[in-house]
Amino acid sequence: MIIVNDRAPDTVAPDLLARLRRIPPATIGHVLAFGFMDTALRPIGQRRFSLCGPATTVRTMAIDSTVVHHAIDVAQPGDVLVIDRTGDTKHACWGEMTSLAAKVRGLAGTIVDGPATDVVEIDEMGYLVFSRGISPITTRSLAQFGEINTVVQCGGVTVAPGDIILADDNGVLVLNPDQVAELVEHCEPIAQREPATRQRLSSGEPLSELSNARAKIEAALAAQTGGH
């Protein structure tokens, strides 16, 4: 059975997405414990990047990747294609031609919960792909099974169409659109303080003082000894 749903409407304003893009996922990792994809998903095609955009979701079965090609047309420029491989780790449903088509379409990147192929060509064109590895064994165009814009799972995280994907070299974070405004307000000041913290560390200030770790350790040691 094949299911093709319309693309989810945009619910996060472009200026808010631009602010979110400037916040590293690792900064948000100080305040969130959930929504981060499996660290086994690693990027190919780009380095020193920041990816932020709404998800167009795809679910494919083992060797049948026909819906992947169609999903590139369904997605809009700036979207992130998120592909649920339903546990398959052998067949690559993504490679050079899909990357080229997605790049021309203006997609921001692709996240595949399985292997990719043609990594040299993907590197050369500079299209961003997250995958679980590399495989020379590819899928087929059977048009028997697949879903577009349904709720999927990728990297151990549930992803709904229109969820916001934030990623950099360190990994991928999935956010419900309703979370974005509050997270930006909380985490943006933290990210903006990082250059000053870096400069203070470079000048020789102890990290334990900047992070207040020393005071916390001293308080903990005092409590352990009953204040003596």
Protein backbone atom coordinates (compact mmCIF):
# COMPACT_ATOMS: atom_id res chain seq x y z
CA MET A 1 0.00 0.00 0.00
CA ILE A 2 1.18 3.53 -0.81
CA ILE A 3 0.09 6.63 1.14
CA VAL A 4 0.86 10.15 -0.06
CA ASN A 5 -0.33 13.03 2.11
CA ASP A 6 0.00 16.73 1.45
CA ARG A 7 2.96 18.59 2.89
CA ALA A 8 2.32 19.90 6.41
CA PRO A 9 1.68 23.65 6.57
CA ASP A 10 4.45 25.89 7.89
CA THR A 11 3.77 26.89 11.50
CA VAL A 12 7.09 28.47 12.55
CA ALA A 13 7.90 31.95 11.24
CA PRO A 14 11.05 32.26 9.09
CA ASP A 15 12.65 34.78 11.45
CA LEU A 16 12.20 32.38 14.39
CA LEU A 17 13.74 29.54 12.36
CA ALA A 18 16.68 31.82 11.55
CA ARG A 19 17.23 32.46 15.26
CA LEU A 20 16.96 28.73 16.01
CA ARG A 21 19.53 27.94 13.32
CA ARG A 22 22.13 29.96 15.23
CA ILE A 23 21.69 27.80 18.36
CA PRO A 24 23.77 24.58 18.29
CA PRO A 25 21.89 21.37 19.20
CA ALA A 26 24.52 20.81 21.91
CA THR A 27 23.47 24.08 23.55
CA ILE A 28 19.86 22.89 23.62
CA GLY A 29 21.21 19.60 24.99
CA HIS A 30 21.86 21.43 28.26
CA VAL A 31 18.10 21.82 28.78
CA LEU A 32 16.47 19.00 26.78
CA ALA A 33 16.96 15.26 27.22
CA PHE A 34 14.63 14.02 24.48
CA GLY A 35 14.29 14.53 20.74
CA PHE A 36 17.91 13.82 19.83
CA MET A 37 18.43 11.18 17.15
CA ASP A 38 20.76 8.22 17.58
CA THR A 39 24.38 9.38 17.45
CA ALA A 40 25.10 6.60 14.93
CA LEU A 41 23.50 8.87 12.30
CA ARG A 42 26.45 10.81 10.90
CA PRO A 43 26.71 13.50 8.19
CA ILE A 44 28.25 13.17 4.76
CA GLY A 45 28.49 15.82 2.06
CA GLN A 46 29.17 18.83 4.30
CA ARG A 47 31.14 19.93 7.35
CA ARG A 48 30.80 22.98 9.59
CA PHE A 49 27.12 23.31 8.73
CA SER A 50 23.92 24.32 10.47
CA LEU A 51 20.70 22.73 9.26
CA CYS A 52 17.26 23.96 10.27
CA GLY A 53 13.95 23.32 8.52
CA PRO A 54 10.58 21.56 8.58
CA ALA A 55 10.42 17.81 8.05
CA THR A 56 8.90 16.08 5.06
CA THR A 57 8.66 12.48 6.20
CA VAL A 58 9.00 9.23 4.27
CA ARG A 59 8.61 5.57 5.26
CA THR A 60 10.04 2.92 2.96
CA MET A 61 10.25 -0.87 3.02
CA ALA A 62 13.60 -2.66 2.60
CA ILE A 63 14.12 -2.79 -1.17
CA ASP A 64 11.27 -0.53 -2.38
CA SER A 65 12.23 3.17 -2.47
CA THR A 66 9.87 4.53 -5.13
CA VAL A 67 8.22 6.93 -2.66
CA VAL A 68 11.60 8.49 -1.89
CA HIS A 69 11.81 9.86 -5.43
CA HIS A 70 8.26 11.20 -5.27
CA ALA A 71 8.86 12.76 -1.84
CA ILE A 72 11.54 15.02 -3.32
CA ASP A 73 8.83 16.55 -5.50
CA VAL A 74 6.36 16.82 -2.60
CA ALA A 75 8.87 18.63 -0.38
CA GLN A 76 9.40 22.36 -0.65
CA PRO A 77 12.69 24.32 -0.73
CA GLY A 78 14.18 24.44 2.75
CA ASP A 79 12.55 21.19 3.88
CA VAL A 80 14.48 18.33 5.45
CA LEU A 81 13.64 14.90 4.07
CA VAL A 82 13.43 12.39 6.97
CA ILE A 83 13.41 8.76 5.83
CA ASP A 84 12.28 5.87 8.04
CA ARG A 85 13.83 2.65 6.70
CA THR A 86 11.72 0.42 8.98
CA GLY A 87 14.80 -1.26 10.38
CA ASP A 88 16.60 -2.06 7.12
CA THR A 89 20.37 -1.53 7.39
CA LYS A 90 21.45 -3.30 4.19
CA HIS A 91 19.95 -1.41 1.26
CA ALA A 92 20.80 2.19 0.37
CA CYS A 93 17.73 4.15 -0.68
CA TRP A 94 19.70 7.36 -1.10
CA GLY A 95 22.66 8.22 -3.32
CA GLU A 96 24.03 10.55 -5.96
CA MET A 97 20.95 11.09 -8.13
CA THR A 98 18.53 11.54 -5.25
CA SER A 99 20.97 14.01 -3.68
CA LEU A 100 21.29 15.93 -6.93
CA ALA A 101 17.52 16.04 -7.41
CA ALA A 102 17.04 17.21 -3.81
CA LYS A 103 19.75 19.85 -4.15
CA VAL A 104 18.22 21.23 -7.34
CA ARG A 105 14.83 21.22 -5.63
CA GLY A 106 16.32 23.33 -2.84
CA LEU A 107 15.95 20.87 0.03
CA ALA A 108 18.08 21.65 3.08
CA GLY A 109 19.20 18.05 3.61
CA THR A 110 18.20 14.42 4.01
CA ILE A 111 18.28 12.16 7.06
CA VAL A 112 18.18 8.42 6.34
CA ASP A 113 17.77 5.89 9.14
CA GLY A 114 19.86 3.43 7.15
CA PRO A 115 22.82 3.46 4.79
CA ALA A 116 23.47 5.75 1.84
CA THR A 117 25.63 5.19 -1.21
CA ASP A 118 27.69 7.28 -3.68
CA VAL A 119 29.35 9.13 -0.82
CA VAL A 120 32.15 10.55 -3.00
CA GLU A 121 29.65 12.11 -5.38
CA ILE A 122 27.56 13.44 -2.48
CA ASP A 123 30.69 14.98 -0.98
CA GLU A 124 31.60 16.60 -4.29
CA MET A 125 28.19 18.20 -4.79
CA GLY A 126 28.03 19.39 -1.16
CA TYR A 127 24.54 18.13 -0.41
CA LEU A 128 23.97 17.27 3.25
CA VAL A 129 22.99 13.68 4.08
CA PHE A 130 22.84 12.02 7.49
CA SER A 131 22.96 8.22 7.35
CA ARG A 132 23.87 5.17 9.42
CA GLY A 133 26.70 4.25 7.11
CA ILE A 134 27.48 3.29 3.54
CA SER A 135 26.28 0.42 1.37
CA PRO A 136 26.74 -0.50 -2.30
CA ILE A 137 23.49 -2.52 -2.23
CA THR A 138 20.68 -0.32 -3.48
CA THR A 139 16.90 -0.40 -3.47
CA ARG A 140 14.47 -0.92 -6.38
CA SER A 141 11.60 1.05 -7.87
CA LEU A 142 8.70 -1.33 -7.17
CA ALA A 143 5.96 1.12 -6.13
CA GLN A 144 4.40 -1.45 -3.79
CA PHE A 145 4.87 0.03 -0.32
CA GLY A 146 5.66 3.43 1.13
CA GLU A 147 4.31 6.50 2.89
CA ILE A 148 4.89 10.23 2.51
CA ASN A 149 4.04 12.76 5.22
CA THR A 150 2.93 10.32 7.88
CA VAL A 151 4.35 9.99 11.40
CA VAL A 152 7.63 8.06 11.18
CA GLN A 153 10.53 7.03 13.36
CA CYS A 154 14.10 8.04 12.56
CA GLY A 155 17.11 7.57 14.77
CA GLY A 156 14.90 6.40 17.63
CA VAL A 157 12.79 9.58 17.56
CA THR A 158 9.20 9.99 16.40
CA VAL A 159 9.00 12.59 13.61
CA ALA A 160 5.72 14.12 12.42
CA PRO A 161 5.38 16.04 9.16
CA GLY A 162 6.23 19.68 9.84
CA ASP A 163 8.37 18.98 12.91
CA ILE A 164 11.44 21.20 12.98
CA ILE A 165 14.81 19.57 12.38
CA LEU A 166 17.90 21.24 13.84
CA ALA A 167 21.27 19.67 13.12
CA ASP A 168 24.97 20.34 12.90
CA ASP A 169 28.13 18.23 12.81
CA ASN A 170 27.34 16.92 16.29
CA GLY A 171 23.92 15.43 15.56
CA VAL A 172 20.20 15.87 14.91
CA LEU A 173 17.44 17.27 17.10
CA VAL A 174 13.70 16.98 16.38
CA LEU A 175 11.42 19.69 17.79
CA ASN A 176 7.67 20.02 17.90
CA PRO A 177 6.89 23.43 16.34
CA ASP A 178 5.18 24.46 19.60
CA GLN A 179 8.53 24.08 21.42
CA VAL A 180 10.54 26.39 19.22
CA ALA A 181 9.66 29.85 20.55
CA GLU A 182 10.25 28.93 24.22
CA LEU A 183 13.51 27.12 23.44
CA VAL A 184 14.84 30.03 21.41
CA GLU A 185 14.07 32.48 24.22
CA HIS A 186 15.78 30.24 26.78
CA CYS A 187 18.78 29.03 24.76
CA GLU A 188 19.62 32.03 22.59
CA PRO A 189 21.27 33.95 25.48
CA ILE A 190 23.32 30.85 26.34
CA ALA A 191 24.60 30.58 22.77
CA GLN A 192 25.33 34.31 22.67
CA ARG A 193 27.49 34.06 25.82
CA GLU A 194 29.72 31.36 24.37
CA PRO A 195 32.19 33.66 22.53
CA ALA A 196 32.81 35.61 25.74
CA THR A 197 33.26 32.38 27.72
CA ARG A 198 35.70 31.12 25.10
CA GLN A 199 37.69 34.32 25.37
CA ARG A 200 37.81 34.15 29.17
CA LEU A 201 39.01 30.53 29.06
CA SER A 202 41.67 31.47 26.51
CA SER A 203 42.89 34.19 28.85
CA GLY A 204 43.44 31.62 31.58
CA GLU A 205 40.37 31.82 33.79
CA PRO A 206 39.59 28.41 35.38
CA LEU A 207 36.59 26.62 33.89
CA SER A 208 35.50 25.53 37.36
CA GLU A 209 35.05 29.18 38.33
CA LEU A 210 33.21 30.15 35.15
CA SER A 211 30.82 27.19 35.47
CA ASN A 212 30.50 27.54 39.24
CA ALA A 213 31.65 23.92 39.52
CA ARG A 214 34.26 24.75 42.16
CA ALA A 215 31.72 26.35 44.49
CA LYS A 216 29.32 23.43 44.02
CA ILE A 217 32.06 20.87 44.77
CA GLU A 218 33.19 22.77 47.85
CA ALA A 219 29.59 22.93 49.08
CA ALA A 220 29.11 19.21 48.42
CA LEU A 221 32.33 18.33 50.26
CA ALA A 222 31.33 20.51 53.18
CA ALA A 223 27.94 18.80 53.38
CA GLN A 224 29.59 15.37 53.33
CA THR A 225 31.79 16.25 56.29
CA GLY A 226 29.03 17.97 58.20
CA GLY A 227 30.61 21.36 57.69
CA HIS A 228 33.92 20.38 59.37
